[in-house]
C-alpha cells in the first residue's frame, strides 16, 4: 500500500545566469494563464517581465511562455548585504570643509 503525498509546487522561471529557479509573482502567473486561453495568433506574442534572481542578484528579462512549474518551495528572498560605510575623516575630529 502506497500513500501519495502532494509535493509543494510553485510557478517560476529558470535564471538565465545561474540556472536557479525564480518564483514569479502571482500577477505574472495570471498573465501567463490568460494568454494560454487565447487564440494561437495571440499566443505567439509573449509578454515580457523583469525578475531579479535571489541567488545571483542579477536581473534579466523573461517571457511569460518561459514560466514552468517547479517542485518544492521557493527559496526565501534574502536582503542584499550592504557594505559598511567608509569614513573619509577621522572619527574624533571634524571633517574638512571645502573653500567656497
N, C-alpha and C. Protein backbone atom coordinates (compact mmCIF):
# COMPACT_ATOMS: atom_id res chain seq x y z
N UNK A 1 0.84 -1.17 0.00
CA UNK A 1 0.00 0.00 0.00
C UNK A 1 0.89 1.24 0.00
N UNK A 2 0.67 2.11 -0.95
CA UNK A 2 1.46 3.34 -1.02
C UNK A 2 0.56 4.52 -0.74
N UNK A 3 1.11 5.45 -0.02
CA UNK A 3 0.38 6.68 0.29
C UNK A 3 1.00 7.78 -0.55
N UNK A 4 0.15 8.43 -1.34
CA UNK A 4 0.65 9.51 -2.18
C UNK A 4 0.49 10.83 -1.44
N UNK A 5 1.55 11.55 -1.35
CA UNK A 5 1.50 12.87 -0.73
C UNK A 5 1.74 13.91 -1.81
N UNK A 6 1.10 15.03 -1.65
CA UNK A 6 1.27 16.11 -2.62
C UNK A 6 2.57 16.85 -2.33
N UNK A 7 3.35 17.03 -3.36
CA UNK A 7 4.57 17.80 -3.23
C UNK A 7 4.24 19.26 -3.48
N UNK A 8 4.77 20.17 -2.66
CA UNK A 8 4.51 21.58 -2.91
C UNK A 8 5.16 22.01 -4.24
N UNK A 9 4.46 22.81 -4.99
CA UNK A 9 4.97 23.31 -6.27
C UNK A 9 4.80 24.82 -6.32
N UNK A 10 5.57 25.43 -7.19
CA UNK A 10 5.43 26.87 -7.43
C UNK A 10 5.75 27.15 -8.89
N UNK A 11 5.20 28.23 -9.39
CA UNK A 11 5.44 28.64 -10.77
C UNK A 11 6.61 29.61 -10.80
N UNK A 12 7.49 29.41 -11.77
CA UNK A 12 8.66 30.27 -11.85
C UNK A 12 9.38 30.12 -13.17
N UNK A 13 10.52 30.77 -13.26
CA UNK A 13 11.38 30.71 -14.45
C UNK A 13 12.77 30.29 -14.00
N UNK A 14 13.57 29.83 -14.94
CA UNK A 14 14.96 29.45 -14.67
C UNK A 14 15.83 30.68 -14.91
N UNK A 15 16.68 31.02 -13.95
CA UNK A 15 17.57 32.16 -14.07
C UNK A 15 18.47 31.97 -15.29
N UNK A 16 18.54 32.98 -16.12
CA UNK A 16 19.36 32.91 -17.33
C UNK A 16 20.85 32.94 -17.03
N UNK A 17 21.21 33.36 -15.83
CA UNK A 17 22.62 33.46 -15.47
C UNK A 17 23.10 32.24 -14.68
N UNK A 18 22.44 31.93 -13.55
CA UNK A 18 22.91 30.85 -12.67
C UNK A 18 22.04 29.60 -12.70
N UNK A 19 20.96 29.61 -13.47
CA UNK A 19 20.06 28.46 -13.65
C UNK A 19 19.26 28.10 -12.40
N UNK A 20 19.18 28.98 -11.41
CA UNK A 20 18.38 28.73 -10.22
C UNK A 20 16.91 29.04 -10.52
N UNK A 21 15.97 28.34 -9.88
CA UNK A 21 14.55 28.66 -10.08
C UNK A 21 14.18 29.97 -9.40
N UNK A 22 13.44 30.82 -10.11
CA UNK A 22 12.99 32.10 -9.57
C UNK A 22 11.46 32.09 -9.56
N UNK A 23 10.82 32.22 -8.40
CA UNK A 23 9.36 32.26 -8.38
C UNK A 23 8.85 33.55 -9.01
N UNK A 24 7.74 33.44 -9.75
CA UNK A 24 7.16 34.63 -10.37
C UNK A 24 6.03 35.14 -9.49
N UNK A 25 5.79 36.45 -9.48
CA UNK A 25 4.67 37.00 -8.72
C UNK A 25 3.34 36.48 -9.26
N UNK A 26 2.32 36.49 -8.44
CA UNK A 26 1.00 35.96 -8.82
C UNK A 26 0.44 36.69 -10.04
N UNK A 27 0.67 37.98 -10.14
CA UNK A 27 0.12 38.74 -11.27
C UNK A 27 0.75 38.31 -12.59
N UNK A 28 2.01 37.95 -12.58
CA UNK A 28 2.68 37.48 -13.79
C UNK A 28 2.16 36.09 -14.15
N UNK A 29 1.94 35.25 -13.16
CA UNK A 29 1.38 33.92 -13.39
C UNK A 29 0.00 34.00 -13.98
N UNK A 30 -0.79 34.99 -13.56
CA UNK A 30 -2.14 35.14 -14.11
C UNK A 30 -2.09 35.65 -15.54
N UNK A 31 -1.08 36.45 -15.89
CA UNK A 31 -0.93 36.88 -17.28
C UNK A 31 -0.64 35.70 -18.19
N UNK A 32 0.20 34.78 -17.71
CA UNK A 32 0.55 33.60 -18.50
C UNK A 32 -0.66 32.69 -18.65
N UNK A 33 -1.48 32.55 -17.62
CA UNK A 33 -2.66 31.71 -17.68
C UNK A 33 -3.69 32.28 -18.64
N UNK A 34 -3.88 33.60 -18.63
CA UNK A 34 -4.84 34.21 -19.54
C UNK A 34 -4.36 34.16 -20.98
N UNK A 35 -3.06 34.22 -21.20
CA UNK A 35 -2.52 34.15 -22.55
C UNK A 35 -2.71 32.75 -23.13
N UNK A 36 -2.67 31.71 -22.29
CA UNK A 36 -2.83 30.35 -22.79
C UNK A 36 -4.26 30.06 -23.19
N UNK A 37 -5.22 30.84 -22.70
CA UNK A 37 -6.62 30.64 -23.04
C UNK A 37 -6.99 31.32 -24.35
N UNK A 38 -6.16 32.21 -24.86
CA UNK A 38 -6.47 32.95 -26.07
C UNK A 38 -6.10 32.14 -27.31
N UNK A 39 -6.35 32.71 -28.48
CA UNK A 39 -6.10 32.02 -29.73
C UNK A 39 -4.62 31.85 -30.01
N UNK A 40 -4.30 31.01 -31.00
CA UNK A 40 -2.89 30.73 -31.32
C UNK A 40 -2.16 31.96 -31.84
N UNK A 41 -2.83 32.82 -32.58
CA UNK A 41 -2.16 34.00 -33.13
C UNK A 41 -1.69 34.94 -32.02
N UNK A 42 -2.49 35.09 -30.99
CA UNK A 42 -2.06 35.95 -29.88
C UNK A 42 -1.12 35.20 -28.94
N UNK A 43 -1.13 33.86 -29.04
CA UNK A 43 -0.24 33.09 -28.18
C UNK A 43 1.21 33.24 -28.61
N UNK A 44 1.45 33.54 -29.88
CA UNK A 44 2.81 33.76 -30.35
C UNK A 44 3.41 35.00 -29.71
N UNK A 45 2.56 35.97 -29.38
CA UNK A 45 3.02 37.18 -28.70
C UNK A 45 3.13 36.88 -27.22
N UNK A 46 4.32 36.89 -26.70
CA UNK A 46 4.55 36.60 -25.29
C UNK A 46 4.91 37.90 -24.58
N UNK A 47 4.33 38.12 -23.41
CA UNK A 47 4.63 39.32 -22.66
C UNK A 47 5.97 39.15 -21.95
N UNK A 48 6.66 40.25 -21.75
CA UNK A 48 7.99 40.24 -21.15
C UNK A 48 7.93 40.95 -19.80
N UNK A 49 8.64 40.39 -18.83
CA UNK A 49 8.73 40.99 -17.50
C UNK A 49 10.14 40.79 -16.97
N UNK A 50 10.56 41.62 -16.04
CA UNK A 50 11.90 41.53 -15.44
C UNK A 50 11.80 40.91 -14.06
N UNK A 51 12.74 40.03 -13.75
CA UNK A 51 12.85 39.44 -12.42
C UNK A 51 14.30 39.45 -11.98
N UNK A 52 14.50 39.60 -10.67
CA UNK A 52 15.85 39.55 -10.10
C UNK A 52 15.99 38.21 -9.38
N UNK A 53 17.07 37.52 -9.66
CA UNK A 53 17.36 36.23 -9.04
C UNK A 53 17.80 36.44 -7.59
N UNK A 54 17.24 35.67 -6.68
CA UNK A 54 17.63 35.81 -5.27
C UNK A 54 18.98 35.15 -4.99
N UNK A 55 19.45 34.30 -5.89
CA UNK A 55 20.74 33.64 -5.69
C UNK A 55 21.90 34.49 -6.17
N UNK A 56 21.86 34.90 -7.43
CA UNK A 56 22.99 35.64 -8.00
C UNK A 56 22.75 37.15 -8.04
N UNK A 57 21.55 37.61 -7.69
CA UNK A 57 21.18 39.04 -7.63
C UNK A 57 21.21 39.73 -8.98
N UNK A 58 21.16 38.98 -10.10
CA UNK A 58 21.14 39.59 -11.43
C UNK A 58 19.70 39.69 -11.91
N UNK A 59 19.40 40.77 -12.62
CA UNK A 59 18.06 40.98 -13.16
C UNK A 59 18.09 40.77 -14.66
N UNK A 60 17.14 40.00 -15.15
CA UNK A 60 17.06 39.67 -16.57
C UNK A 60 15.61 39.74 -17.02
N UNK A 61 15.38 39.95 -18.33
CA UNK A 61 14.01 39.89 -18.86
C UNK A 61 13.62 38.45 -19.16
N UNK A 62 12.36 38.11 -18.89
CA UNK A 62 11.82 36.78 -19.15
C UNK A 62 10.50 36.92 -19.88
N UNK A 63 10.09 35.89 -20.59
CA UNK A 63 8.81 35.86 -21.30
C UNK A 63 7.82 35.02 -20.51
N UNK A 64 6.54 35.32 -20.68
CA UNK A 64 5.52 34.55 -19.97
C UNK A 64 5.50 33.10 -20.42
N UNK A 65 5.92 32.82 -21.64
CA UNK A 65 5.93 31.42 -22.09
C UNK A 65 7.09 30.62 -21.48
N UNK A 66 8.02 31.27 -20.77
CA UNK A 66 9.13 30.58 -20.10
C UNK A 66 8.75 30.13 -18.70
N UNK A 67 7.54 30.43 -18.24
CA UNK A 67 7.11 30.06 -16.89
C UNK A 67 6.82 28.57 -16.86
N UNK A 68 7.39 27.89 -15.87
CA UNK A 68 7.19 26.45 -15.68
C UNK A 68 6.86 26.17 -14.22
N UNK A 69 6.43 24.94 -13.93
CA UNK A 69 6.14 24.53 -12.56
C UNK A 69 7.36 23.84 -11.97
N UNK A 70 7.73 24.23 -10.75
CA UNK A 70 8.84 23.63 -10.03
C UNK A 70 8.30 22.90 -8.82
N UNK A 71 8.93 21.77 -8.48
CA UNK A 71 8.58 21.06 -7.25
C UNK A 71 9.36 21.66 -6.09
N UNK A 72 8.76 21.64 -4.92
CA UNK A 72 9.40 22.18 -3.74
C UNK A 72 8.87 23.56 -3.40
N UNK A 73 9.57 24.24 -2.54
CA UNK A 73 9.18 25.59 -2.15
C UNK A 73 10.25 26.56 -2.62
N UNK A 74 9.86 27.77 -2.99
CA UNK A 74 10.87 28.73 -3.43
C UNK A 74 11.77 29.15 -2.29
N UNK A 75 13.03 29.47 -2.64
CA UNK A 75 13.97 29.95 -1.63
C UNK A 75 13.50 31.29 -1.10
N UNK A 76 13.75 31.52 0.18
CA UNK A 76 13.37 32.79 0.76
C UNK A 76 14.26 33.89 0.19
N UNK A 77 13.67 35.04 0.00
CA UNK A 77 14.42 36.16 -0.56
C UNK A 77 15.19 36.82 0.57
N UNK A 78 16.50 36.87 0.42
CA UNK A 78 17.35 37.48 1.43
C UNK A 78 17.62 38.93 1.07
N UNK A 79 17.72 39.74 2.08
CA UNK A 79 18.08 41.14 1.84
C UNK A 79 19.54 41.19 1.40
N UNK A 80 19.84 42.04 0.43
CA UNK A 80 21.23 42.12 -0.04
C UNK A 80 22.14 42.64 1.07
N UNK A 81 23.35 42.14 1.08
CA UNK A 81 24.31 42.59 2.07
C UNK A 81 24.80 43.98 1.70
N UNK A 82 24.78 44.86 2.66
CA UNK A 82 25.24 46.22 2.40
C UNK A 82 26.64 46.38 2.97
N UNK A 83 27.51 46.99 2.20
CA UNK A 83 28.86 47.21 2.72
C UNK A 83 28.82 48.26 3.83
N UNK A 84 29.78 48.18 4.74
CA UNK A 84 29.83 49.16 5.80
C UNK A 84 30.28 50.50 5.20
N UNK A 85 29.75 51.59 5.71
CA UNK A 85 30.11 52.89 5.16
C UNK A 85 31.58 53.22 5.39
N UNK A 86 32.17 53.88 4.45
CA UNK A 86 33.57 54.28 4.55
C UNK A 86 33.62 55.73 5.01
N UNK A 87 34.38 55.96 6.05
CA UNK A 87 34.51 57.33 6.56
C UNK A 87 35.84 57.90 6.07
N UNK A 88 35.77 59.06 5.45
CA UNK A 88 36.96 59.68 4.89
C UNK A 88 37.58 60.70 5.84
N UNK A 89 37.04 60.81 7.03
CA UNK A 89 37.59 61.74 8.01
C UNK A 89 37.77 61.01 9.33
N UNK A 90 38.65 61.50 10.18
CA UNK A 90 38.87 60.81 11.46
C UNK A 90 37.61 60.86 12.33
N UNK A 91 37.42 59.79 13.10
CA UNK A 91 36.23 59.70 13.95
C UNK A 91 36.23 60.76 15.05
N UNK A 92 37.42 61.17 15.55
CA UNK A 92 37.48 62.07 16.68
C UNK A 92 37.48 63.55 16.29
N UNK A 93 37.59 63.84 15.03
CA UNK A 93 37.66 65.24 14.61
C UNK A 93 36.53 65.58 13.63
N UNK A 94 36.55 66.81 13.22
CA UNK A 94 35.56 67.26 12.25
C UNK A 94 36.10 67.10 10.84
N UNK A 95 35.23 66.99 9.92
CA UNK A 95 35.63 66.86 8.52
C UNK A 95 36.08 68.22 8.00
N UNK A 96 37.00 68.21 7.03
CA UNK A 96 37.44 69.46 6.43
C UNK A 96 36.35 69.98 5.51
N UNK A 97 36.23 71.27 5.47
CA UNK A 97 35.22 71.90 4.62
C UNK A 97 35.93 72.51 3.42
N UNK A 98 35.35 72.33 2.25
CA UNK A 98 35.94 72.91 1.05
C UNK A 98 35.79 74.42 1.09
N UNK A 99 36.78 75.10 0.50
CA UNK A 99 36.71 76.55 0.46
C UNK A 99 35.66 76.97 -0.54
N UNK A 100 34.91 77.99 -0.16
CA UNK A 100 33.84 78.47 -1.04
C UNK A 100 34.32 79.43 -2.08
